[in-house]
PDB file of N, CA and C in Angstrom:
ATOM      1  N   MET A   1     167.628 160.899   5.551  1.00  0.00           N
ATOM      2  CA  MET A   1     169.012 160.349   5.295  1.00  0.00           C
ATOM      3  C   MET A   1     168.869 158.989   4.570  1.00  0.00           C
ATOM      4  N   GLN A   2     167.730 158.376   4.390  1.00  0.00           N
ATOM      5  CA  GLN A   2     167.741 157.243   3.631  1.00  0.00           C
ATOM      6  C   GLN A   2     168.390 156.079   4.290  1.00  0.00           C
ATOM      7  N   ILE A   3     167.969 155.752   5.670  1.00  0.00           N
ATOM      8  CA  ILE A   3     168.799 154.725   6.301  1.00  0.00           C
ATOM      9  C   ILE A   3     167.620 153.728   6.685  1.00  0.00           C
ATOM     10  N   SER A   4     167.945 152.422   6.725  1.00  0.00           N
ATOM     11  CA  SER A   4     167.003 151.303   6.930  1.00  0.00           C
ATOM     12  C   SER A   4     166.777 151.391   8.374  1.00  0.00           C
ATOM     13  N   GLY A   5     165.660 150.922   8.797  1.00  0.00           N
ATOM     14  CA  GLY A   5     165.230 150.814  10.250  1.00  0.00           C
ATOM     15  C   GLY A   5     166.187 150.041  11.071  1.00  0.00           C
ATOM     16  N   GLU A   6     166.881 149.086  10.584  1.00  0.00           N
ATOM     17  CA  GLU A   6     167.845 148.153  11.308  1.00  0.00           C
ATOM     18  C   GLU A   6     169.151 148.644  11.158  1.00  0.00           C
ATOM     19  N   ALA A   7     169.560 149.808  10.713  1.00  0.00           N
ATOM     20  CA  ALA A   7     170.812 150.262  10.627  1.00  0.00           C
ATOM     21  C   ALA A   7     171.679 150.629  11.972  1.00  0.00           C
ATOM     22  N   THR A   8     172.871 150.325  12.093  1.00  0.00           N
ATOM     23  CA  THR A   8     173.615 150.278  13.270  1.00  0.00           C
ATOM     24  C   THR A   8     173.867 151.746  13.682  1.00  0.00           C
ATOM     25  N   GLU A   9     174.365 152.289  14.838  1.00  0.00           N
ATOM     26  CA  GLU A   9     174.734 153.577  15.133  1.00  0.00           C
ATOM     27  C   GLU A   9     175.852 153.960  14.333  1.00  0.00           C
ATOM     28  N   GLU A  10     176.805 153.086  14.108  1.00  0.00           N
ATOM     29  CA  GLU A  10     177.959 153.356  13.253  1.00  0.00           C
ATOM     30  C   GLU A  10     177.598 153.783  11.996  1.00  0.00           C
ATOM     31  N   ALA A  11     176.526 153.016  11.371  1.00  0.00           N
ATOM     32  CA  ALA A  11     176.169 153.311   9.927  1.00  0.00           C
ATOM     33  C   ALA A  11     175.390 154.707   9.845  1.00  0.00           C
ATOM     34  N   ILE A  12     174.679 154.981  10.708  1.00  0.00           N
ATOM     35  CA  ILE A  12     173.824 156.209  10.786  1.00  0.00           C
ATOM     36  C   ILE A  12     175.002 157.390  11.025  1.00  0.00           C
ATOM     37  N   LEU A  13     175.934 157.188  11.853  1.00  0.00           N
ATOM     38  CA  LEU A  13     176.952 158.266  12.115  1.00  0.00           C
ATOM     39  C   LEU A  13     177.765 158.521  10.739  1.00  0.00           C
ATOM     40  N   LYS A  14     178.015 157.317   9.944  1.00  0.00           N
ATOM     41  CA  LYS A  14     178.587 157.489   8.775  1.00  0.00           C
ATOM     42  C   LYS A  14     178.047 158.293   7.747  1.00  0.00           C
ATOM     43  N   VAL A  15     176.781 157.894   7.626  1.00  0.00           N
ATOM     44  CA  VAL A  15     175.969 158.763   6.605  1.00  0.00           C
ATOM     45  C   VAL A  15     175.671 160.189   7.095  1.00  0.00           C
ATOM     46  N   TRP A  16     175.585 160.308   8.508  1.00  0.00           N
ATOM     47  CA  TRP A  16     175.232 161.599   8.810  1.00  0.00           C
ATOM     48  C   TRP A  16     176.498 162.680   8.591  1.00  0.00           C
ATOM     49  N   LYS A  17     177.815 161.955   8.849  1.00  0.00           N
ATOM     50  CA  LYS A  17     179.243 162.792   8.504  1.00  0.00           C
ATOM     51  C   LYS A  17     179.235 163.097   7.229  1.00  0.00           C
ATOM     52  N   LYS A  18     178.654 162.121   6.374  1.00  0.00           N
ATOM     53  CA  LYS A  18     178.780 162.375   4.843  1.00  0.00           C
ATOM     54  C   LYS A  18     178.040 163.615   4.293  1.00  0.00           C
ATOM     55  N   LEU A  19     176.800 163.671   4.842  1.00  0.00           N
ATOM     56  CA  LEU A  19     175.764 164.555   4.496  1.00  0.00           C
ATOM     57  C   LEU A  19     176.253 166.052   5.038  1.00  0.00           C
ATOM     58  N   VAL A  20     176.579 165.933   6.459  1.00  0.00           N
ATOM     59  CA  VAL A  20     177.184 167.254   6.886  1.00  0.00           C
ATOM     60  C   VAL A  20     178.427 167.622   6.056  1.00  0.00           C
ATOM     61  N   LEU A  21     179.442 166.833   5.746  1.00  0.00           N
ATOM     62  CA  LEU A  21     180.432 167.420   4.953  1.00  0.00           C
ATOM     63  C   LEU A  21     180.073 167.985   3.620  1.00  0.00           C
ATOM     64  N   LEU A  22     178.981 167.384   2.969  1.00  0.00           N
ATOM     65  CA  LEU A  22     178.583 167.747   1.748  1.00  0.00           C
ATOM     66  C   LEU A  22     177.745 169.007   1.786  1.00  0.00           C
ATOM     67  N   LEU A  23     176.941 169.272   2.964  1.00  0.00           N
ATOM     68  CA  LEU A  23     176.063 170.363   2.974  1.00  0.00           C
ATOM     69  C   LEU A  23     176.646 171.456   3.942  1.00  0.00           C
ATOM     70  N   HIS A  24     177.983 171.439   4.303  1.00  0.00           N
ATOM     71  CA  HIS A  24     178.474 172.211   5.298  1.00  0.00           C
ATOM     72  C   HIS A  24     178.422 173.842   4.531  1.00  0.00           C
ATOM     73  N   PRO A  25     178.274 174.848   5.314  1.00  0.00           N
ATOM     74  CA  PRO A  25     178.070 176.180   4.626  1.00  0.00           C
ATOM     75  C   PRO A  25     179.294 176.616   4.119  1.00  0.00           C
ATOM     76  N   ASP A  26     180.537 176.157   4.500  1.00  0.00           N
ATOM     77  CA  ASP A  26     181.825 176.573   3.730  1.00  0.00           C
ATOM     78  C   ASP A  26     182.051 175.934   2.497  1.00  0.00           C
ATOM     79  N   LYS A  27     181.404 174.764   2.301  1.00  0.00           N
ATOM     80  CA  LYS A  27     181.131 174.052   1.039  1.00  0.00           C
ATOM     81  C   LYS A  27     180.450 174.891  -0.102  1.00  0.00           C
ATOM     82  N   LEU A  28     179.318 175.454   0.508  1.00  0.00           N
ATOM     83  CA  LEU A  28     178.225 176.171  -0.367  1.00  0.00           C
ATOM     84  C   LEU A  28     178.705 177.661  -0.775  1.00  0.00           C
ATOM     85  N   GLN A  29     179.842 178.053  -0.376  1.00  0.00           N
ATOM     86  CA  GLN A  29     180.232 179.571  -0.337  1.00  0.00           C
ATOM     87  C   GLN A  29     180.128 180.027  -1.855  1.00  0.00           C
ATOM     88  N   SER A  30     180.489 179.205  -2.870  1.00  0.00           N
ATOM     89  CA  SER A  30     180.477 179.651  -4.192  1.00  0.00           C
ATOM     90  C   SER A  30     179.327 179.644  -4.738  1.00  0.00           C
ATOM     91  N   LEU A  31     178.246 178.942  -4.252  1.00  0.00           N
ATOM     92  CA  LEU A  31     177.008 179.078  -4.944  1.00  0.00           C
ATOM     93  C   LEU A  31     176.059 180.155  -4.703  1.00  0.00           C
ATOM     94  N   ASP A  32     175.066 180.459  -5.372  1.00  0.00           N
ATOM     95  CA  ASP A  32     174.068 181.428  -5.324  1.00  0.00           C
ATOM     96  C   ASP A  32     173.375 181.232  -3.888  1.00  0.00           C
ATOM     97  N   ASP A  33     172.648 182.329  -3.680  1.00  0.00           N
ATOM     98  CA  ASP A  33     171.942 182.696  -2.297  1.00  0.00           C
ATOM     99  C   ASP A  33     170.839 181.457  -2.132  1.00  0.00           C
ATOM    100  N   ASP A  34     170.154 181.312  -3.220  1.00  0.00           N
ATOM    101  CA  ASP A  34     168.940 180.424  -3.036  1.00  0.00           C
ATOM    102  C   ASP A  34     169.448 179.082  -2.648  1.00  0.00           C
ATOM    103  N   THR A  35     170.500 178.602  -3.291  1.00  0.00           N
ATOM    104  CA  THR A  35     171.183 177.173  -3.247  1.00  0.00           C
ATOM    105  C   THR A  35     171.643 177.349  -1.723  1.00  0.00           C
ATOM    106  N   LYS A  36     172.370 178.295  -1.226  1.00  0.00           N
ATOM    107  CA  LYS A  36     172.767 178.319   0.068  1.00  0.00           C
ATOM    108  C   LYS A  36     171.779 178.141   1.000  1.00  0.00           C
ATOM    109  N   ALA A  37     170.603 179.016   1.000  1.00  0.00           N
ATOM    110  CA  ALA A  37     169.496 178.726   1.763  1.00  0.00           C
ATOM    111  C   ALA A  37     168.996 177.345   1.810  1.00  0.00           C
ATOM    112  N   LYS A  38     168.793 176.803   0.724  1.00  0.00           N
ATOM    113  CA  LYS A  38     168.264 175.333   0.637  1.00  0.00           C
ATOM    114  C   LYS A  38     169.225 174.443   1.184  1.00  0.00           C
ATOM    115  N   GLY A  39     170.570 174.672   1.073  1.00  0.00           N
ATOM    116  CA  GLY A  39     171.588 173.810   1.680  1.00  0.00           C
ATOM    117  C   GLY A  39     171.540 173.908   3.327  1.00  0.00           C
ATOM    118  N   ALA A  40     171.289 175.137   3.829  1.00  0.00           N
ATOM    119  CA  ALA A  40     171.214 175.267   5.207  1.00  0.00           C
ATOM    120  C   ALA A  40     169.920 174.573   5.747  1.00  0.00           C
ATOM    121  N   GLU A  41     168.991 174.705   4.896  1.00  0.00           N
ATOM    122  CA  GLU A  41     167.691 174.121   5.393  1.00  0.00           C
ATOM    123  C   GLU A  41     167.885 172.566   5.488  1.00  0.00           C
ATOM    124  N   ALA A  42     168.446 171.942   4.509  1.00  0.00           N
ATOM    125  CA  ALA A  42     168.917 170.552   4.200  1.00  0.00           C
ATOM    126  C   ALA A  42     169.672 170.017   5.452  1.00  0.00           C
ATOM    127  N   LEU A  43     170.590 170.828   5.846  1.00  0.00           N
ATOM    128  CA  LEU A  43     171.647 170.579   6.987  1.00  0.00           C
ATOM    129  C   LEU A  43     171.039 170.570   8.074  1.00  0.00           C
ATOM    130  N   HIS A  44     169.869 171.586   8.315  1.00  0.00           N
ATOM    131  CA  HIS A  44     169.122 171.470   9.451  1.00  0.00           C
ATOM    132  C   HIS A  44     168.217 170.281   9.604  1.00  0.00           C
ATOM    133  N   GLU A  45     167.629 169.856   8.559  1.00  0.00           N
ATOM    134  CA  GLU A  45     166.893 168.436   8.429  1.00  0.00           C
ATOM    135  C   GLU A  45     167.845 167.433   8.608  1.00  0.00           C
ATOM    136  N   VAL A  46     168.969 167.278   8.259  1.00  0.00           N
ATOM    137  CA  VAL A  46     169.878 166.176   8.602  1.00  0.00           C
ATOM    138  C   VAL A  46     170.211 166.071  10.109  1.00  0.00           C
ATOM    139  N   HIS A  47     170.496 167.345  10.749  1.00  0.00           N
ATOM    140  CA  HIS A  47     170.723 167.336  12.110  1.00  0.00           C
ATOM    141  C   HIS A  47     169.381 166.791  12.953  1.00  0.00           C
ATOM    142  N   ALA A  48     168.217 167.309  12.527  1.00  0.00           N
ATOM    143  CA  ALA A  48     167.055 166.914  13.097  1.00  0.00           C
ATOM    144  C   ALA A  48     166.790 165.440  12.909  1.00  0.00           C
ATOM    145  N   ALA A  49     166.917 165.025  11.925  1.00  0.00           N
ATOM    146  CA  ALA A  49     166.829 163.397  11.588  1.00  0.00           C
ATOM    147  C   ALA A  49     167.740 162.467  12.487  1.00  0.00           C
ATOM    148  N   LYS A  50     168.895 163.147  12.566  1.00  0.00           N
ATOM    149  CA  LYS A  50     169.810 162.292  13.447  1.00  0.00           C
ATOM    150  C   LYS A  50     169.690 162.351  14.964  1.00  0.00           C
ATOM    151  N   GLU A  51     169.008 163.502  15.303  1.00  0.00           N
ATOM    152  CA  GLU A  51     168.617 163.518  16.699  1.00  0.00           C
ATOM    153  C   GLU A  51     167.381 162.842  17.060  1.00  0.00           C
ATOM    154  N   GLU A  52     166.506 162.798  15.963  1.00  0.00           N
ATOM    155  CA  GLU A  52     165.216 161.989  16.153  1.00  0.00           C
ATOM    156  C   GLU A  52     165.624 160.351  16.262  1.00  0.00           C
ATOM    157  N   LEU A  53     166.572 159.987  15.454  1.00  0.00           N
ATOM    158  CA  LEU A  53     167.093 158.399  15.400  1.00  0.00           C
ATOM    159  C   LEU A  53     167.643 158.267  16.873  1.00  0.00           C
ATOM    160  N   ARG A  54     168.358 159.143  17.455  1.00  0.00           N
ATOM    161  CA  ARG A  54     169.215 159.067  18.667  1.00  0.00           C
ATOM    162  C   ARG A  54     167.978 158.825  19.727  1.00  0.00           C
ATOM    163  N   GLN A  55     167.026 159.638  19.733  1.00  0.00           N
ATOM    164  CA  GLN A  55     166.108 159.610  20.612  1.00  0.00           C
ATOM    165  C   GLN A  55     165.105 158.396  20.611  1.00  0.00           C
ATOM    166  N   ARG A  56     164.858 157.905  19.480  1.00  0.00           N
ATOM    167  CA  ARG A  56     164.183 156.469  19.182  1.00  0.00           C
ATOM    168  C   ARG A  56     164.902 155.458  19.593  1.00  0.00           C
ATOM    169  N   ALA A  57     166.377 155.399  19.556  1.00  0.00           N
ATOM    170  CA  ALA A  57     167.133 154.449  19.856  1.00  0.00           C
ATOM    171  C   ALA A  57     167.065 154.430  21.494  1.00  0.00           C
ATOM    172  N   GLN A  58     167.134 155.610  22.055  1.00  0.00           N
ATOM    173  CA  GLN A  58     167.162 155.832  23.721  1.00  0.00           C
ATOM    174  C   GLN A  58     165.754 155.138  24.220  1.00  0.00           C
ATOM    175  N   GLN A  59     164.804 155.391  23.466  1.00  0.00           N
ATOM    176  CA  GLN A  59     163.478 154.964  24.007  1.00  0.00           C
ATOM    177  C   GLN A  59     163.419 153.613  23.551  1.00  0.00           C
ATOM    178  N   ALA A  60     163.995 152.996  22.790  1.00  0.00           N
ATOM    179  CA  ALA A  60     163.868 151.404  22.484  1.00  0.00           C
ATOM    180  C   ALA A  60     164.660 150.799  23.565  1.00  0.00           C
ATOM    181  N   CYS A  61     165.592 151.274  24.163  1.00  0.00           N
ATOM    182  CA  CYS A  61     166.394 150.835  25.083  1.00  0.00           C
ATOM    183  C   CYS A  61     165.849 150.922  26.432  1.00  0.00           C
ATOM    184  N   ALA A  62     165.218 151.927  26.783  1.00  0.00           N
ATOM    185  CA  ALA A  62     164.619 152.251  28.083  1.00  0.00           C
ATOM    186  C   ALA A  62     163.973 150.975  28.746  1.00  0.00           C
ATOM    187  N   GLN A  63     164.079 150.708  29.849  1.00  0.00           N
ATOM    188  CA  GLN A  63     163.312 149.668  30.557  1.00  0.00           C
ATOM    189  C   GLN A  63     162.424 150.172  31.575  1.00  0.00           C
ATOM    190  N   VAL A  64     161.043 149.966  31.494  1.00  0.00           N
ATOM    191  CA  VAL A  64     160.221 150.396  32.530  1.00  0.00           C
ATOM    192  C   VAL A  64     160.049 149.490  33.716  1.00  0.00           C
ATOM    193  N   PRO A  65     160.250 149.929  34.899  1.00  0.00           N
ATOM    194  CA  PRO A  65     160.353 148.751  35.992  1.00  0.00           C
ATOM    195  C   PRO A  65     158.760 148.333  36.164  1.00  0.00           C
ATOM    196  N   VAL A  66     158.529 147.229  36.761  1.00  0.00           N
ATOM    197  CA  VAL A  66     157.439 146.689  37.107  1.00  0.00           C
ATOM    198  C   VAL A  66     156.881 147.545  38.169  1.00  0.00           C
ATOM    199  N   PRO A  67     155.555 147.885  38.226  1.00  0.00           N
ATOM    200  CA  PRO A  67     155.184 148.610  39.461  1.00  0.00           C
ATOM    201  C   PRO A  67     155.107 147.861  40.630  1.00  0.00           C
ATOM    202  N   PRO A  68     155.528 148.329  41.767  1.00  0.00           N
ATOM    203  CA  PRO A  68     155.374 147.457  42.935  1.00  0.00           C
ATOM    204  C   PRO A  68     153.950 147.144  43.530  1.00  0.00           C
ATOM    205  N   THR A  69     153.615 146.023  44.123  1.00  0.00           N
ATOM    206  CA  THR A  69     152.452 145.771  44.657  1.00  0.00           C
ATOM    207  C   THR A  69     152.403 146.069  46.169  1.00  0.00           C
ATOM    208  N   ARG A  70     151.114 146.465  46.405  1.00  0.00           N
ATOM    209  CA  ARG A  70     150.902 146.964  47.807  1.00  0.00           C
ATOM    210  C   ARG A  70     150.838 145.873  48.773  1.00  0.00           C
ATOM    211  N   GLY A  71     151.555 145.965  49.868  1.00  0.00           N
ATOM    212  CA  GLY A  71     151.550 145.024  50.839  1.00  0.00           C
ATOM    213  C   GLY A  71     150.378 144.951  51.918  1.00  0.00           C
ATOM    214  N   SER A  72     149.773 145.911  52.234  1.00  0.00           N
ATOM    215  CA  SER A  72     148.776 146.227  53.162  1.00  0.00           C
ATOM    216  C   SER A  72     148.124 147.572  52.856  1.00  0.00           C
ATOM    217  N   ALA A  73     146.990 147.924  53.412  1.00  0.00           N
ATOM    218  CA  ALA A  73     146.424 149.143  53.143  1.00  0.00           C
ATOM    219  C   ALA A  73     147.166 150.144  54.122  1.00  0.00           C
ATOM    220  N   PRO A  74     147.267 151.491  53.587  1.00  0.00           N
ATOM    221  CA  PRO A  74     148.001 152.402  54.350  1.00  0.00           C
ATOM    222  C   PRO A  74     147.222 152.680  55.774  1.00  0.00           C
ATOM    223  N   ARG A  75     147.930 152.750  56.782  1.00  0.00           N
ATOM    224  CA  ARG A  75     147.616 152.939  57.998  1.00  0.00           C
ATOM    225  C   ARG A  75     148.073 154.330  58.689  1.00  0.00           C
ATOM    226  N   CYS A  76     147.114 155.038  59.215  1.00  0.00           N
ATOM    227  CA  CYS A  76     147.428 156.368  59.876  1.00  0.00           C
ATOM    228  C   CYS A  76     147.986 156.242  61.311  1.00  0.00           C
ATOM    229  N   LEU A  77     149.335 156.719  61.499  1.00  0.00           N
ATOM    230  CA  LEU A  77     149.801 156.455  62.820  1.00  0.00           C
ATOM    231  C   LEU A  77     149.652 157.818  63.646  1.00  0.00           C
ATOM    232  N   ASN A  78     149.481 158.889  63.071  1.00  0.00           N
ATOM    233  CA  ASN A  78     149.336 160.175  63.813  1.00  0.00           C
ATOM    234  C   ASN A  78     148.266 161.053  62.781  1.00  0.00           C
ATOM    235  N   ALA A  79     146.952 161.302  63.430  1.00  0.00           N
ATOM    236  CA  ALA A  79     146.036 161.966  62.614  1.00  0.00           C
ATOM    237  C   ALA A  79     145.958 163.471  63.083  1.00  0.00           C
ATOM    238  N   THR A  80     146.963 163.899  63.883  1.00  0.00           N
ATOM    239  CA  THR A  80     146.865 165.265  64.373  1.00  0.00           C
ATOM    240  C   THR A  80     147.162 166.217  63.192  1.00  0.00           C
ATOM    241  N   PRO A  81     146.269 167.327  62.754  1.00  0.00           N
ATOM    242  CA  PRO A  81     146.576 168.143  61.733  1.00  0.00           C
ATOM    243  C   PRO A  81     147.840 168.821  61.710  1.00  0.00           C
ATOM    244  N   GLY A  82     148.571 168.809  60.525  1.00  0.00           N
ATOM    245  CA  GLY A  82     149.858 169.350  60.689  1.00  0.00           C
ATOM    246  C   GLY A  82     151.027 168.400  61.009  1.00  0.00           C
ATOM    247  N   ALA A  83     150.712 167.095  61.572  1.00  0.00           N
ATOM    248  CA  ALA A  83     151.715 166.350  61.767  1.00  0.00           C
ATOM    249  C   ALA A  83     151.263 164.935  61.373  1.00  0.00           C
ATOM    250  N   ARG A  84     150.364 164.756  60.574  1.00  0.00           N
ATOM    251  CA  ARG A  84     149.947 163.344  60.150  1.00  0.00           C
ATOM    252  C   ARG A  84     151.232 162.523  59.669  1.00  0.00           C
ATOM    253  N   LYS A  85     150.960 161.186  60.005  1.00  0.00           N
ATOM    254  CA  LYS A  85     152.125 160.188  59.686  1.00  0.00           C
ATOM    255  C   LYS A  85     151.306 159.035  59.190  1.00  0.00           C
ATOM    256  N   TYR A  86     151.684 158.500  58.018  1.00  0.00           N
ATOM    257  CA  TYR A  86     151.113 157.281  57.394  1.00  0.00           C
ATOM    258  C   TYR A  86     152.251 156.259  57.257  1.00  0.00           C
ATOM    259  N   GLU A  87     151.840 154.948  57.632  1.00  0.00           N
ATOM    260  CA  GLU A  87     152.644 153.903  57.308  1.00  0.00           C
ATOM    261  C   GLU A  87     152.246 153.193  55.972  1.00  0.00           C
ATOM    262  N   ILE A  88     153.137 152.857  55.125  1.00  0.00           N
ATOM    263  CA  ILE A  88     152.782 152.304  53.707  1.00  0.00           C
ATOM    264  C   ILE A  88     153.679 151.131  53.751  1.00  0.00           C
ATOM    265  N   SER A  89     153.330 150.235  53.106  1.00  0.00           N
ATOM    266  CA  SER A  89     154.066 148.939  52.893  1.00  0.00           C
ATOM    267  C   SER A  89     153.835 148.437  51.493  1.00  0.00           C
ATOM    268  N   TRP A  90     154.949 147.835  50.965  1.00  0.00           N
ATOM    269  CA  TRP A  90     154.997 147.309  49.608  1.00  0.00           C
ATOM    270  C   TRP A  90     155.620 145.755  49.662  1.00  0.00           C
ATOM    271  N   MET A  91     155.230 144.979  48.839  1.00  0.00           N
ATOM    272  CA  MET A  91     155.876 143.394  48.584  1.00  0.00           C
ATOM    273  C   MET A  91     156.944 143.654  47.686  1.00  0.00           C
ATOM    274  N   LEU A  92     158.094 142.815  48.421  1.00  0.00           N
ATOM    275  CA  LEU A  92     159.119 142.645  47.512  1.00  0.00           C
ATOM    276  C   LEU A  92     158.899 141.548  46.322  1.00  0.00           C
ATOM    277  N   PRO A  93     159.315 141.628  45.225  1.00  0.00           N
ATOM    278  CA  PRO A  93     159.045 140.743  44.087  1.00  0.00           C
ATOM    279  C   PRO A  93     159.676 139.452  44.410  1.00  0.00           C
ATOM    280  N   GLU A  94     159.021 138.252  43.990  1.00  0.00           N
ATOM    281  CA  GLU A  94     159.567 137.044  44.133  1.00  0.00           C
ATOM    282  C   GLU A  94     160.860 136.776  43.600  1.00  0.00           C
ATOM    283  N   VAL A  95     161.005 137.166  42.462  1.00  0.00           N
ATOM    284  CA  VAL A  95     162.140 137.082  41.583  1.00  0.00           C
ATOM    285  C   VAL A  95     162.894 138.384  41.374  1.00  0.00           C
ATOM    286  N   GLN A  96     164.036 138.575  41.433  1.00  0.00           N
ATOM    287  CA  GLN A  96     164.725 139.689  41.384  1.00  0.00           C
ATOM    288  C   GLN A  96     165.736 139.586  40.233  1.00  0.00           C
ATOM    289  N   ASP A  97     165.923 140.695  39.522  1.00  0.00           N
ATOM    290  CA  ASP A  97     166.804 140.731  38.489  1.00  0.00           C
ATOM    291  C   ASP A  97     168.268 141.053  39.183  1.00  0.00           C
ATOM    292  N   PRO A  98     169.289 140.175  38.758  1.00  0.00           N
ATOM    293  CA  PRO A  98     170.629 140.483  39.387  1.00  0.00           C
ATOM    294  C   PRO A  98     171.247 141.942  38.988  1.00  0.00           C
ATOM    295  N   LYS A  99     170.819 142.337  37.774  1.00  0.00           N
ATOM    296  CA  LYS A  99     171.232 143.583  37.208  1.00  0.00           C
ATOM    297  C   LYS A  99     170.779 144.767  38.048  1.00  0.00           C
ATOM    298  N   ALA A 100     169.441 144.615  38.435  1.00  0.00           N
ATOM    299  CA  ALA A 100     168.843 145.799  39.039  1.00  0.00           C
ATOM    300  C   ALA A 100     168.203 145.219  40.442  1.00  0.00           C
ATOM    301  N   PRO A 101     169.094 145.015  41.485  1.00  0.00           N
ATOM    302  CA  PRO A 101     168.465 144.337  42.655  1.00  0.00           C
ATOM    303  C   PRO A 101     167.640 145.522  43.473  1.00  0.00           C
ATOM    304  N   ILE A 102     166.740 144.754  44.154  1.00  0.00           N
ATOM    305  CA  ILE A 102     165.754 145.734  45.070  1.00  0.00           C
ATOM    306  C   ILE A 102     166.104 145.204  46.438  1.00  0.00           C
ATOM    307  N   GLU A 103     166.582 146.252  47.421  1.00  0.00           N
ATOM    308  CA  GLU A 103     166.906 146.178  48.449  1.00  0.00           C
ATOM    309  C   GLU A 103     165.775 146.351  49.545  1.00  0.00           C
ATOM    310  N   LYS A 104     165.633 145.571  50.742  1.00  0.00           N
ATOM    311  CA  LYS A 104     164.554 145.976  51.624  1.00  0.00           C
ATOM    312  C   LYS A 104     165.117 146.866  52.807  1.00  0.00           C
ATOM    313  N   TYR A 105     164.493 147.909  52.882  1.00  0.00           N
ATOM    314  CA  TYR A 105     164.733 148.974  53.901  1.00  0.00           C
ATOM    315  C   TYR A 105     163.870 148.929  54.920  1.00  0.00           C
ATOM    316  N   GLU A 106     164.082 149.080  56.171  1.00  0.00           N
ATOM    317  CA  GLU A 106     163.309 149.288  57.286  1.00  0.00           C
ATOM    318  C   GLU A 106     163.049 150.463  57.748  1.00  0.00           C
TER     319      GLU A 106
END
């Protein structure tokens, strides 16, 4: 699609729309079969490129949470087979992000 890496979502969408209009099968009806096939392949590549750019933008925006730290070693409360019960504890982080608060559950 010949777009720079810093292109905005709007710029990508604008170029994509131009290419889709140019390569649309209805626009290629008057051409020979070989050109129609190449146009269909190019249209497929344009759609694939847009999808790849969308996925990369989503991955760039994704935030991976900090893994929790263990409070104490797991403790077996009931060792009966079929009814085992464990107690596991985690430490709350010292600083919390107001956009993604962590609540203490009992």
